[in-house]
């Protein structure tokens, strides 16, 4: 199994990422060995590229609210963040360009191997859902998210927390009324169980 340092080195030496490494931009993700929750998003935005912190933008604030996490918890050791692309892909006509497909195909497996304790993977948006759910996804993202229970306990698909999706959320009130409370419950349960296990190990020691 490759170490995290080896994976990062391979990513930075990949000629397809040369335009980023030449500007001294490292791959942007958050990998914790003992994380229980994994967030698979689309790709870092421009602000995340500037700060080198994943979800360091308005979308990140919304996502933390959806997960029921404070920034300290979101960026803490319980949570890993592994987007479909580790670099900002640039601006398109109606938002950011899609993540480059080779990133997940080439590097996700190596990173997943470093996180053996993941219990729940939150899939954000159609690219993450398509890659991980494959033939199990529904005819569109809306129906995939609506039927999130079919993918538990391994996956929890949601739409992107971007401000660009506000109209979608307004047209589908069940998402904030029903889906997000269920997501918060799943996340809280996993984090509470992890805390109990940690306290148990300390007492035994």
Protein backbone atom coordinates (compact mmCIF):
# COMPACT_ATOMS: atom_id res chain seq x y z
CA UNK A 1 0.00 0.00 0.00
CA UNK A 2 1.27 3.45 -0.91
CA UNK A 3 1.76 6.08 1.76
CA UNK A 4 -0.05 9.40 1.59
CA UNK A 5 3.24 11.08 0.74
CA UNK A 6 3.77 8.68 -2.17
CA UNK A 7 0.27 9.29 -3.52
CA UNK A 8 0.76 13.06 -3.34
CA UNK A 9 4.09 12.73 -5.09
CA UNK A 10 2.51 10.69 -7.89
CA UNK A 11 -0.26 13.25 -8.29
CA UNK A 12 2.18 16.15 -8.46
CA UNK A 13 4.43 14.32 -10.94
CA UNK A 14 1.52 13.45 -13.21
CA UNK A 15 2.09 15.47 -16.42
CA UNK A 16 -1.67 16.07 -16.64
CA UNK A 17 -1.33 18.23 -13.50
CA UNK A 18 1.71 20.16 -14.69
CA UNK A 19 -0.13 23.47 -15.02
CA UNK A 20 -0.92 23.32 -11.29
CA UNK A 21 2.42 22.08 -9.98
CA UNK A 22 4.22 24.74 -12.01
CA UNK A 23 2.19 27.30 -10.05
CA UNK A 24 3.04 25.47 -6.80
CA UNK A 25 -0.57 24.42 -6.19
CA UNK A 26 -0.72 21.08 -4.32
CA UNK A 27 -3.61 18.61 -4.62
CA UNK A 28 -6.42 19.86 -2.41
CA UNK A 29 -7.99 17.21 -0.19
CA UNK A 30 -8.13 16.12 3.43
CA UNK A 31 -7.15 12.56 4.32
CA UNK A 32 -7.30 11.25 7.90
CA UNK A 33 -6.32 7.66 8.62
CA UNK A 34 -9.02 7.12 11.25
CA UNK A 35 -11.80 9.12 9.60
CA UNK A 36 -15.27 7.59 9.77
CA UNK A 37 -16.96 9.99 7.33
CA UNK A 38 -15.76 10.60 3.78
CA UNK A 39 -16.98 13.48 1.64
CA UNK A 40 -16.61 13.05 -2.11
CA UNK A 41 -17.32 16.37 -3.77
CA UNK A 42 -16.84 17.68 -7.29
CA UNK A 43 -13.64 19.75 -7.30
CA UNK A 44 -12.13 22.65 -5.35
CA UNK A 45 -13.49 26.07 -6.29
CA UNK A 46 -11.42 29.15 -6.94
CA UNK A 47 -11.52 30.25 -3.30
CA UNK A 48 -10.46 26.78 -2.16
CA UNK A 49 -7.57 26.95 -4.62
CA UNK A 50 -6.51 30.29 -3.15
CA UNK A 51 -6.64 29.05 0.46
CA UNK A 52 -5.66 25.42 -0.32
CA UNK A 53 -8.49 24.35 2.02
CA UNK A 54 -11.30 22.17 0.62
CA UNK A 55 -14.79 23.70 0.79
CA UNK A 56 -13.36 27.00 2.00
CA UNK A 57 -16.25 28.95 0.51
CA UNK A 58 -20.01 29.53 0.78
CA UNK A 59 -20.72 25.98 -0.37
CA UNK A 60 -18.59 24.70 2.49
CA UNK A 61 -20.56 26.69 5.06
CA UNK A 62 -23.82 25.26 3.72
CA UNK A 63 -22.39 21.73 3.68
CA UNK A 64 -21.31 22.02 7.32
CA UNK A 65 -24.85 23.05 8.23
CA UNK A 66 -26.25 20.07 6.33
CA UNK A 67 -23.88 17.71 8.14
CA UNK A 68 -24.50 19.32 11.52
CA UNK A 69 -20.80 20.00 11.97
CA UNK A 70 -18.81 22.97 13.19
CA UNK A 71 -15.73 23.99 11.15
CA UNK A 72 -13.54 22.35 13.79
CA UNK A 73 -15.43 19.07 13.39
CA UNK A 74 -15.59 19.32 9.61
CA UNK A 75 -11.83 19.77 9.34
CA UNK A 76 -11.11 17.43 12.24
CA UNK A 77 -9.86 13.82 12.27
CA UNK A 78 -13.33 12.25 11.97
CA UNK A 79 -13.77 13.58 8.44
CA UNK A 80 -11.90 13.08 5.18
CA UNK A 81 -12.54 15.05 1.99
CA UNK A 82 -11.66 13.48 -1.36
CA UNK A 83 -13.08 15.37 -4.37
CA UNK A 84 -13.46 13.97 -7.87
CA UNK A 85 -10.71 16.36 -8.96
CA UNK A 86 -8.00 17.63 -6.63
CA UNK A 87 -7.56 20.91 -8.50
CA UNK A 88 -9.79 23.80 -9.59
CA UNK A 89 -10.76 22.89 -13.18
CA UNK A 90 -11.61 26.44 -14.23
CA UNK A 91 -14.73 28.38 -15.10
CA UNK A 92 -17.31 27.27 -17.63
CA UNK A 93 -20.37 28.95 -19.15
CA UNK A 94 -22.72 28.07 -16.29
CA UNK A 95 -20.38 27.47 -13.37
CA UNK A 96 -17.13 25.63 -12.82
CA UNK A 97 -15.94 23.12 -15.39
CA UNK A 98 -16.53 19.42 -14.56
CA UNK A 99 -13.85 17.48 -12.71
CA UNK A 100 -11.31 15.67 -14.87
CA UNK A 101 -12.25 11.99 -14.88
CA UNK A 102 -8.72 10.59 -14.69
CA UNK A 103 -8.20 11.86 -11.14
CA UNK A 104 -10.73 9.53 -9.52
CA UNK A 105 -9.85 6.67 -11.85
CA UNK A 106 -6.14 6.93 -11.09
CA UNK A 107 -5.90 8.04 -7.47
CA UNK A 108 -9.07 7.40 -5.46
CA UNK A 109 -8.34 3.74 -4.80
CA UNK A 110 -4.90 4.55 -3.36
CA UNK A 111 -6.40 7.16 -1.04
CA UNK A 112 -9.30 4.94 0.02
CA UNK A 113 -6.81 2.28 1.05
CA UNK A 114 -5.41 4.76 3.57
CA UNK A 115 -8.83 5.23 5.22
CA UNK A 116 -9.97 1.73 6.29
CA UNK A 117 -12.40 2.95 8.96
CA UNK A 118 -14.77 4.92 6.71
CA UNK A 119 -18.39 4.10 7.59
CA UNK A 120 -20.30 6.63 5.50
CA UNK A 121 -19.39 8.25 2.19
CA UNK A 122 -21.35 11.40 1.33
CA UNK A 123 -21.56 11.68 -2.46
CA UNK A 124 -22.05 15.28 -3.57
CA UNK A 125 -23.42 15.90 -7.04
CA UNK A 126 -23.80 13.88 -10.20
CA UNK A 127 -20.13 13.18 -10.88
CA UNK A 128 -19.52 11.56 -7.50
CA UNK A 129 -22.81 9.66 -7.68
CA UNK A 130 -22.12 8.41 -11.20
CA UNK A 131 -18.63 7.21 -10.31
CA UNK A 132 -19.47 5.41 -7.07
CA UNK A 133 -23.06 4.29 -7.59
CA UNK A 134 -22.63 3.38 -11.27
CA UNK A 135 -25.64 1.35 -12.47
CA UNK A 136 -27.33 1.73 -9.07
CA UNK A 137 -28.08 5.42 -9.63
CA UNK A 138 -31.51 6.46 -10.83
CA UNK A 139 -32.44 8.18 -14.09
CA UNK A 140 -31.24 11.53 -12.75
CA UNK A 141 -29.60 13.08 -9.70
CA UNK A 142 -32.90 14.24 -8.21
CA UNK A 143 -34.26 10.71 -8.07
CA UNK A 144 -30.96 9.34 -6.80
CA UNK A 145 -30.98 11.83 -3.92
CA UNK A 146 -34.67 11.24 -3.27
CA UNK A 147 -33.99 7.51 -2.86
CA UNK A 148 -30.92 7.93 -0.63
CA UNK A 149 -32.08 5.14 1.71
CA UNK A 150 -31.33 2.56 -0.98
CA UNK A 151 -27.63 3.35 -0.73
CA UNK A 152 -27.24 3.30 3.05
CA UNK A 153 -25.29 2.52 5.12
CA UNK A 154 -22.36 2.87 2.70
CA UNK A 155 -23.33 5.92 0.66
CA UNK A 156 -25.49 9.02 1.13
CA UNK A 157 -26.05 10.94 -2.13
CA UNK A 158 -26.91 14.65 -1.98
CA UNK A 159 -27.01 17.59 -4.34
CA UNK A 160 -24.24 20.17 -4.34
CA UNK A 161 -24.52 22.89 -1.64
CA UNK A 162 -23.61 25.58 -4.17
CA UNK A 163 -25.70 28.79 -4.25
CA UNK A 164 -26.34 27.93 -7.90
CA UNK A 165 -28.60 25.11 -6.68
CA UNK A 166 -30.92 27.31 -4.60
CA UNK A 167 -33.68 27.11 -7.20
CA UNK A 168 -33.44 23.31 -7.23
CA UNK A 169 -33.77 23.22 -3.44
CA UNK A 170 -36.76 25.57 -3.60
CA UNK A 171 -38.45 23.32 -6.16
CA UNK A 172 -37.74 20.19 -4.10
CA UNK A 173 -38.58 21.13 -0.48
CA UNK A 174 -38.37 17.49 0.62
CA UNK A 175 -34.58 17.74 0.36
CA UNK A 176 -34.17 20.21 3.22
CA UNK A 177 -37.24 18.99 5.11
CA UNK A 178 -36.52 15.25 5.02
CA UNK A 179 -33.18 14.33 3.42
CA UNK A 180 -30.91 16.72 5.28
CA UNK A 181 -32.30 15.82 8.75
CA UNK A 182 -31.65 12.16 7.89
CA UNK A 183 -28.09 13.01 6.84
CA UNK A 184 -27.48 14.88 10.09
CA UNK A 185 -28.78 11.90 12.02
CA UNK A 186 -26.47 9.48 10.22
CA UNK A 187 -23.44 11.71 10.75
CA UNK A 188 -24.23 12.36 14.42
CA UNK A 189 -24.70 8.64 15.11
CA UNK A 190 -21.36 7.70 13.55
CA UNK A 191 -19.51 10.46 15.36
CA UNK A 192 -21.09 9.55 18.70
CA UNK A 193 -20.19 5.88 18.28
CA UNK A 194 -16.64 6.84 17.37
CA UNK A 195 -16.41 9.02 20.46
CA UNK A 196 -17.63 6.15 22.65
CA UNK A 197 -15.03 3.81 21.17
CA UNK A 198 -12.28 6.38 21.71
CA UNK A 199 -13.31 6.94 25.33
CA UNK A 200 -13.47 3.17 25.84
CA UNK A 201 -9.92 2.71 24.59
CA UNK A 202 -8.68 5.48 26.89
CA UNK A 203 -10.38 3.89 29.92
CA UNK A 204 -8.99 0.47 29.08
CA UNK A 205 -5.51 1.91 28.74
